[in-house]
């Protein structure tokens, strides 16, 4: 079994994706926290849409979310890049590579959405 540690993500090349899934959950933790904060702010803004303090807080939270999502995306891409060429991998390794590809696509979509919301915010 080969093991490689990449900035907070450990990739084990033995077909077991449990550790990869755990690493992805750990990468998601700060983003989930910021998303909950953003959700609460959006609910408060529905009640008082002209509250400038809440609007400033939302802008700050959006910025934090963009930063956290960008960091997550960079780590995922680095982990995938360090796995090497897809065609040279074993079937078990390809499974992990594909899992990373899915997470990268999700992160890119989330980042685009957050960036668009941030740019349209003010």
N, C-alpha and C. Protein backbone atom coordinates (compact mmCIF):
# COMPACT_ATOMS: atom_id res chain seq x y z
N UNK A 1 0.85 -1.17 0.00
CA UNK A 1 0.00 0.00 0.00
C UNK A 1 0.89 1.23 0.00
N UNK A 2 0.65 2.11 -0.92
CA UNK A 2 1.39 3.37 -1.00
C UNK A 2 0.57 4.46 -0.34
N UNK A 3 1.27 5.38 0.30
CA UNK A 3 0.59 6.48 0.98
C UNK A 3 1.31 7.77 0.66
N UNK A 4 0.57 8.83 0.44
CA UNK A 4 1.16 10.11 0.10
C UNK A 4 0.41 11.20 0.84
N UNK A 5 1.14 12.07 1.54
CA UNK A 5 0.54 13.18 2.28
C UNK A 5 0.71 14.45 1.46
N UNK A 6 -0.41 15.13 1.16
CA UNK A 6 -0.40 16.32 0.33
C UNK A 6 -1.19 17.40 1.05
N UNK A 7 -0.53 18.34 1.64
CA UNK A 7 -1.16 19.49 2.30
C UNK A 7 -2.53 19.18 2.91
N UNK A 8 -2.56 18.30 3.88
CA UNK A 8 -3.80 18.04 4.58
C UNK A 8 -4.64 16.93 3.99
N UNK A 9 -4.23 16.37 2.86
CA UNK A 9 -4.96 15.26 2.26
C UNK A 9 -4.01 14.08 2.17
N UNK A 10 -4.40 12.95 2.73
CA UNK A 10 -3.60 11.74 2.60
C UNK A 10 -4.28 10.85 1.58
N UNK A 11 -3.56 10.48 0.57
CA UNK A 11 -4.10 9.60 -0.46
C UNK A 11 -3.45 8.23 -0.27
N UNK A 12 -4.27 7.23 0.01
CA UNK A 12 -3.78 5.87 0.14
C UNK A 12 -4.17 5.14 -1.13
N UNK A 13 -3.20 4.53 -1.75
CA UNK A 13 -3.43 3.90 -3.04
C UNK A 13 -3.65 2.40 -2.87
N UNK A 14 -4.68 2.04 -2.14
CA UNK A 14 -4.99 0.63 -1.95
C UNK A 14 -6.46 0.32 -2.22
N UNK A 15 -7.18 1.27 -2.80
CA UNK A 15 -8.57 1.04 -3.16
C UNK A 15 -9.57 1.45 -2.09
N UNK A 16 -9.11 1.78 -0.91
CA UNK A 16 -9.99 2.19 0.17
C UNK A 16 -10.11 3.71 0.14
N UNK A 17 -11.30 4.21 -0.15
CA UNK A 17 -11.50 5.66 -0.26
C UNK A 17 -11.98 6.28 1.05
N UNK A 18 -12.00 5.51 2.12
CA UNK A 18 -12.47 6.02 3.40
C UNK A 18 -11.65 7.22 3.86
N UNK A 19 -10.34 7.11 3.77
CA UNK A 19 -9.48 8.21 4.22
C UNK A 19 -9.63 9.42 3.30
N UNK A 20 -9.81 9.19 2.01
CA UNK A 20 -10.02 10.29 1.08
C UNK A 20 -11.32 11.01 1.43
N UNK A 21 -12.37 10.24 1.69
CA UNK A 21 -13.65 10.84 2.06
C UNK A 21 -13.53 11.63 3.36
N UNK A 22 -12.77 11.12 4.32
CA UNK A 22 -12.56 11.83 5.59
C UNK A 22 -11.80 13.13 5.33
N UNK A 23 -10.77 13.08 4.49
CA UNK A 23 -9.99 14.29 4.18
C UNK A 23 -10.86 15.34 3.51
N UNK A 24 -11.74 14.91 2.63
CA UNK A 24 -12.64 15.85 1.95
C UNK A 24 -13.62 16.46 2.95
N UNK A 25 -14.12 15.65 3.88
CA UNK A 25 -15.01 16.20 4.93
C UNK A 25 -14.28 17.24 5.76
N UNK A 26 -13.00 16.99 6.05
CA UNK A 26 -12.22 17.95 6.83
C UNK A 26 -12.01 19.25 6.04
N UNK A 27 -11.84 19.14 4.72
CA UNK A 27 -11.71 20.34 3.89
C UNK A 27 -13.03 21.10 3.84
N UNK A 28 -14.14 20.38 3.93
CA UNK A 28 -15.46 21.00 3.84
C UNK A 28 -15.89 21.68 5.14
N UNK A 29 -15.30 21.30 6.27
CA UNK A 29 -15.75 21.80 7.58
C UNK A 29 -15.77 23.33 7.66
N UNK A 30 -14.67 24.02 7.30
CA UNK A 30 -14.74 25.49 7.39
C UNK A 30 -15.74 26.11 6.42
N UNK A 31 -15.90 25.50 5.27
CA UNK A 31 -16.85 26.01 4.28
C UNK A 31 -18.27 25.83 4.78
N UNK A 32 -18.55 24.68 5.39
CA UNK A 32 -19.89 24.44 5.93
C UNK A 32 -20.22 25.44 7.03
N UNK A 33 -19.24 25.76 7.86
CA UNK A 33 -19.46 26.73 8.94
C UNK A 33 -19.81 28.10 8.35
N UNK A 34 -19.06 28.52 7.35
CA UNK A 34 -19.32 29.82 6.72
C UNK A 34 -20.66 29.81 5.99
N UNK A 35 -21.00 28.68 5.35
CA UNK A 35 -22.29 28.57 4.67
C UNK A 35 -23.45 28.71 5.65
N UNK A 36 -23.32 28.12 6.84
CA UNK A 36 -24.37 28.26 7.86
C UNK A 36 -24.50 29.71 8.30
N UNK A 37 -23.37 30.38 8.46
CA UNK A 37 -23.39 31.79 8.84
C UNK A 37 -24.07 32.62 7.75
N UNK A 38 -23.76 32.31 6.49
CA UNK A 38 -24.37 33.02 5.37
C UNK A 38 -25.87 32.78 5.31
N UNK A 39 -26.28 31.56 5.57
CA UNK A 39 -27.70 31.21 5.57
C UNK A 39 -28.44 32.01 6.65
N UNK A 40 -27.85 32.11 7.83
CA UNK A 40 -28.47 32.88 8.92
C UNK A 40 -28.57 34.36 8.57
N UNK A 41 -27.53 34.89 7.94
CA UNK A 41 -27.57 36.30 7.53
C UNK A 41 -28.65 36.54 6.48
N UNK A 42 -28.77 35.62 5.53
CA UNK A 42 -29.80 35.76 4.49
C UNK A 42 -31.19 35.74 5.11
N UNK A 43 -31.40 34.90 6.12
CA UNK A 43 -32.69 34.86 6.79
C UNK A 43 -32.96 36.18 7.52
N UNK A 44 -31.95 36.72 8.17
CA UNK A 44 -32.11 37.99 8.87
C UNK A 44 -32.38 39.13 7.89
N UNK A 45 -31.72 39.07 6.73
CA UNK A 45 -31.93 40.12 5.72
C UNK A 45 -33.32 40.05 5.10
N UNK A 46 -33.94 38.89 5.10
CA UNK A 46 -35.32 38.80 4.60
C UNK A 46 -36.25 39.60 5.51
N UNK A 47 -35.94 39.60 6.80
CA UNK A 47 -36.76 40.34 7.76
C UNK A 47 -36.47 41.83 7.74
N UNK A 48 -35.22 42.18 7.43
CA UNK A 48 -34.81 43.58 7.44
C UNK A 48 -33.81 43.82 6.30
N UNK A 49 -34.29 43.90 5.05
CA UNK A 49 -33.40 43.95 3.90
C UNK A 49 -32.56 45.22 3.78
N UNK A 50 -32.89 46.26 4.50
CA UNK A 50 -32.13 47.51 4.40
C UNK A 50 -31.15 47.69 5.55
N UNK A 51 -30.97 46.68 6.37
CA UNK A 51 -30.07 46.76 7.51
C UNK A 51 -28.62 46.75 6.99
N UNK A 52 -27.98 47.91 7.07
CA UNK A 52 -26.63 48.05 6.50
C UNK A 52 -25.59 47.22 7.25
N UNK A 53 -25.79 47.03 8.54
CA UNK A 53 -24.85 46.21 9.30
C UNK A 53 -24.89 44.76 8.83
N UNK A 54 -26.11 44.25 8.63
CA UNK A 54 -26.25 42.87 8.13
C UNK A 54 -25.69 42.74 6.72
N UNK A 55 -25.90 43.76 5.91
CA UNK A 55 -25.37 43.73 4.54
C UNK A 55 -23.84 43.69 4.54
N UNK A 56 -23.24 44.47 5.42
CA UNK A 56 -21.77 44.46 5.53
C UNK A 56 -21.27 43.11 6.03
N UNK A 57 -22.00 42.52 6.97
CA UNK A 57 -21.62 41.21 7.47
C UNK A 57 -21.73 40.15 6.37
N UNK A 58 -22.79 40.25 5.56
CA UNK A 58 -22.96 39.29 4.48
C UNK A 58 -21.82 39.41 3.48
N UNK A 59 -21.43 40.63 3.17
CA UNK A 59 -20.32 40.84 2.23
C UNK A 59 -19.04 40.22 2.78
N UNK A 60 -18.80 40.39 4.08
CA UNK A 60 -17.62 39.82 4.71
C UNK A 60 -17.66 38.29 4.70
N UNK A 61 -18.82 37.73 4.99
CA UNK A 61 -18.97 36.27 5.01
C UNK A 61 -18.81 35.70 3.60
N UNK A 62 -19.35 36.38 2.60
CA UNK A 62 -19.17 35.93 1.23
C UNK A 62 -17.69 35.91 0.85
N UNK A 63 -16.97 36.93 1.27
CA UNK A 63 -15.54 37.01 0.99
C UNK A 63 -14.79 35.85 1.66
N UNK A 64 -15.14 35.55 2.92
CA UNK A 64 -14.52 34.43 3.64
C UNK A 64 -14.83 33.11 2.95
N UNK A 65 -16.06 32.97 2.48
CA UNK A 65 -16.47 31.74 1.81
C UNK A 65 -15.70 31.55 0.50
N UNK A 66 -15.51 32.63 -0.23
CA UNK A 66 -14.74 32.56 -1.49
C UNK A 66 -13.31 32.14 -1.18
N UNK A 67 -12.72 32.71 -0.15
CA UNK A 67 -11.34 32.36 0.22
C UNK A 67 -11.23 30.89 0.62
N UNK A 68 -12.17 30.40 1.44
CA UNK A 68 -12.14 29.02 1.89
C UNK A 68 -12.35 28.05 0.72
N UNK A 69 -13.25 28.40 -0.17
CA UNK A 69 -13.52 27.55 -1.33
C UNK A 69 -12.33 27.54 -2.28
N UNK A 70 -11.68 28.67 -2.45
CA UNK A 70 -10.49 28.75 -3.29
C UNK A 70 -9.38 27.88 -2.72
N UNK A 71 -9.19 27.94 -1.41
CA UNK A 71 -8.17 27.12 -0.75
C UNK A 71 -8.47 25.63 -0.92
N UNK A 72 -9.74 25.26 -0.75
CA UNK A 72 -10.16 23.87 -0.91
C UNK A 72 -9.87 23.41 -2.33
N UNK A 73 -10.22 24.24 -3.31
CA UNK A 73 -10.02 23.89 -4.72
C UNK A 73 -8.54 23.69 -5.02
N UNK A 74 -7.70 24.58 -4.51
CA UNK A 74 -6.26 24.46 -4.73
C UNK A 74 -5.71 23.16 -4.15
N UNK A 75 -6.14 22.80 -2.95
CA UNK A 75 -5.67 21.57 -2.31
C UNK A 75 -6.12 20.33 -3.09
N UNK A 76 -7.36 20.35 -3.55
CA UNK A 76 -7.87 19.22 -4.32
C UNK A 76 -7.12 19.05 -5.64
N UNK A 77 -6.89 20.17 -6.32
CA UNK A 77 -6.16 20.11 -7.59
C UNK A 77 -4.73 19.64 -7.39
N UNK A 78 -4.10 20.10 -6.32
CA UNK A 78 -2.74 19.68 -6.04
C UNK A 78 -2.68 18.18 -5.75
N UNK A 79 -3.64 17.70 -4.97
CA UNK A 79 -3.69 16.28 -4.65
C UNK A 79 -3.87 15.45 -5.92
N UNK A 80 -4.76 15.89 -6.78
CA UNK A 80 -5.00 15.16 -8.03
C UNK A 80 -3.78 15.21 -8.93
N UNK A 81 -3.15 16.35 -9.02
CA UNK A 81 -1.96 16.50 -9.85
C UNK A 81 -0.83 15.58 -9.38
N UNK A 82 -0.68 15.47 -8.07
CA UNK A 82 0.39 14.64 -7.53
C UNK A 82 0.11 13.15 -7.68
N UNK A 83 -1.11 12.79 -7.99
CA UNK A 83 -1.42 11.38 -8.25
C UNK A 83 -0.82 10.95 -9.59
N UNK A 84 -0.60 11.90 -10.48
CA UNK A 84 0.02 11.57 -11.76
C UNK A 84 -1.00 11.44 -12.88
N UNK A 85 -0.54 10.87 -13.97
CA UNK A 85 -1.35 10.69 -15.17
C UNK A 85 -2.43 9.63 -14.93
N UNK A 86 -3.66 9.95 -15.25
CA UNK A 86 -4.80 9.05 -15.04
C UNK A 86 -4.58 7.70 -15.71
N UNK A 87 -4.05 7.69 -16.91
CA UNK A 87 -3.88 6.43 -17.66
C UNK A 87 -2.83 5.52 -17.05
N UNK A 88 -1.96 6.06 -16.21
CA UNK A 88 -0.91 5.26 -15.57
C UNK A 88 -1.33 4.69 -14.23
N UNK A 89 -2.52 5.00 -13.77
CA UNK A 89 -2.98 4.57 -12.45
C UNK A 89 -3.64 3.20 -12.49
N UNK A 90 -3.66 2.54 -11.34
CA UNK A 90 -4.39 1.29 -11.21
C UNK A 90 -5.88 1.61 -11.12
N UNK A 91 -6.72 0.61 -11.18
CA UNK A 91 -8.17 0.84 -11.11
C UNK A 91 -8.56 1.48 -9.78
N UNK A 92 -7.93 1.05 -8.68
CA UNK A 92 -8.24 1.63 -7.38
C UNK A 92 -7.83 3.11 -7.34
N UNK A 93 -6.67 3.39 -7.90
CA UNK A 93 -6.20 4.77 -7.93
C UNK A 93 -7.08 5.63 -8.82
N UNK A 94 -7.55 5.05 -9.93
CA UNK A 94 -8.44 5.79 -10.83
C UNK A 94 -9.73 6.17 -10.11
N UNK A 95 -10.21 5.29 -9.23
CA UNK A 95 -11.42 5.57 -8.47
C UNK A 95 -11.22 6.81 -7.59
N UNK A 96 -10.08 6.89 -6.93
CA UNK A 96 -9.79 8.06 -6.10
C UNK A 96 -9.59 9.30 -6.96
N UNK A 97 -8.96 9.15 -8.10
CA UNK A 97 -8.75 10.26 -9.02
C UNK A 97 -10.10 10.83 -9.48
N UNK A 98 -11.02 9.92 -9.81
CA UNK A 98 -12.36 10.36 -10.24
C UNK A 98 -13.10 11.05 -9.10
N UNK A 99 -12.94 10.54 -7.88
CA UNK A 99 -13.58 11.18 -6.72
C UNK A 99 -13.05 12.60 -6.54
N UNK A 100 -11.75 12.76 -6.73
CA UNK A 100 -11.18 14.10 -6.64
C UNK A 100 -11.71 14.99 -7.77
N UNK A 101 -11.87 14.42 -8.96
CA UNK A 101 -12.41 15.19 -10.10
C UNK A 101 -13.80 15.71 -9.80
N UNK A 102 -14.62 14.89 -9.17
CA UNK A 102 -15.98 15.30 -8.81
C UNK A 102 -15.94 16.44 -7.80
N UNK A 103 -15.08 16.31 -6.79
CA UNK A 103 -14.96 17.35 -5.78
C UNK A 103 -14.42 18.65 -6.37
N UNK A 104 -13.50 18.54 -7.32
CA UNK A 104 -12.96 19.72 -7.98
C UNK A 104 -14.07 20.43 -8.76
N UNK A 105 -14.87 19.66 -9.48
CA UNK A 105 -15.97 20.25 -10.25
C UNK A 105 -16.97 20.93 -9.34
N UNK A 106 -17.29 20.31 -8.20
CA UNK A 106 -18.21 20.92 -7.24
C UNK A 106 -17.64 22.23 -6.69
N UNK A 107 -16.35 22.20 -6.38
CA UNK A 107 -15.70 23.40 -5.83
C UNK A 107 -15.67 24.53 -6.85
N UNK A 108 -15.39 24.20 -8.10
CA UNK A 108 -15.36 25.22 -9.14
C UNK A 108 -16.74 25.84 -9.33
N UNK A 109 -17.78 25.02 -9.31
CA UNK A 109 -19.14 25.53 -9.47
C UNK A 109 -19.52 26.41 -8.28
N UNK A 110 -19.17 25.97 -7.07
CA UNK A 110 -19.47 26.76 -5.88
C UNK A 110 -18.71 28.09 -5.91
N UNK A 111 -17.46 28.05 -6.32
CA UNK A 111 -16.65 29.27 -6.38
C UNK A 111 -17.22 30.24 -7.40
N UNK A 112 -17.63 29.74 -8.56
CA UNK A 112 -18.24 30.61 -9.57
C UNK A 112 -19.53 31.25 -9.05
N UNK A 113 -20.34 30.46 -8.37
CA UNK A 113 -21.59 30.96 -7.83
C UNK A 113 -21.34 32.02 -6.75
N UNK A 114 -20.41 31.74 -5.85
CA UNK A 114 -20.09 32.71 -4.79
C UNK A 114 -19.51 33.99 -5.35
N UNK A 115 -18.62 33.86 -6.32
CA UNK A 115 -18.01 35.03 -6.94
C UNK A 115 -19.06 35.89 -7.63
N UNK A 116 -19.98 35.23 -8.32
CA UNK A 116 -21.06 35.95 -9.00
C UNK A 116 -21.94 36.68 -7.98
N UNK A 117 -22.28 35.99 -6.89
CA UNK A 117 -23.11 36.62 -5.86
C UNK A 117 -22.37 37.80 -5.21
N UNK A 118 -21.08 37.64 -4.95
CA UNK A 118 -20.29 38.70 -4.36
C UNK A 118 -20.20 39.92 -5.30
N UNK A 119 -19.97 39.66 -6.58
CA UNK A 119 -19.87 40.75 -7.55
C UNK A 119 -21.19 41.47 -7.77
N UNK A 120 -22.29 40.75 -7.68
CA UNK A 120 -23.62 41.35 -7.86
C UNK A 120 -24.16 41.95 -6.56
N UNK A 121 -23.47 41.75 -5.48
CA UNK A 121 -23.95 42.14 -4.16
C UNK A 121 -24.09 43.65 -4.00
N UNK A 122 -23.06 44.37 -4.40
CA UNK A 122 -23.08 45.78 -4.07
C UNK A 122 -23.31 46.66 -5.25
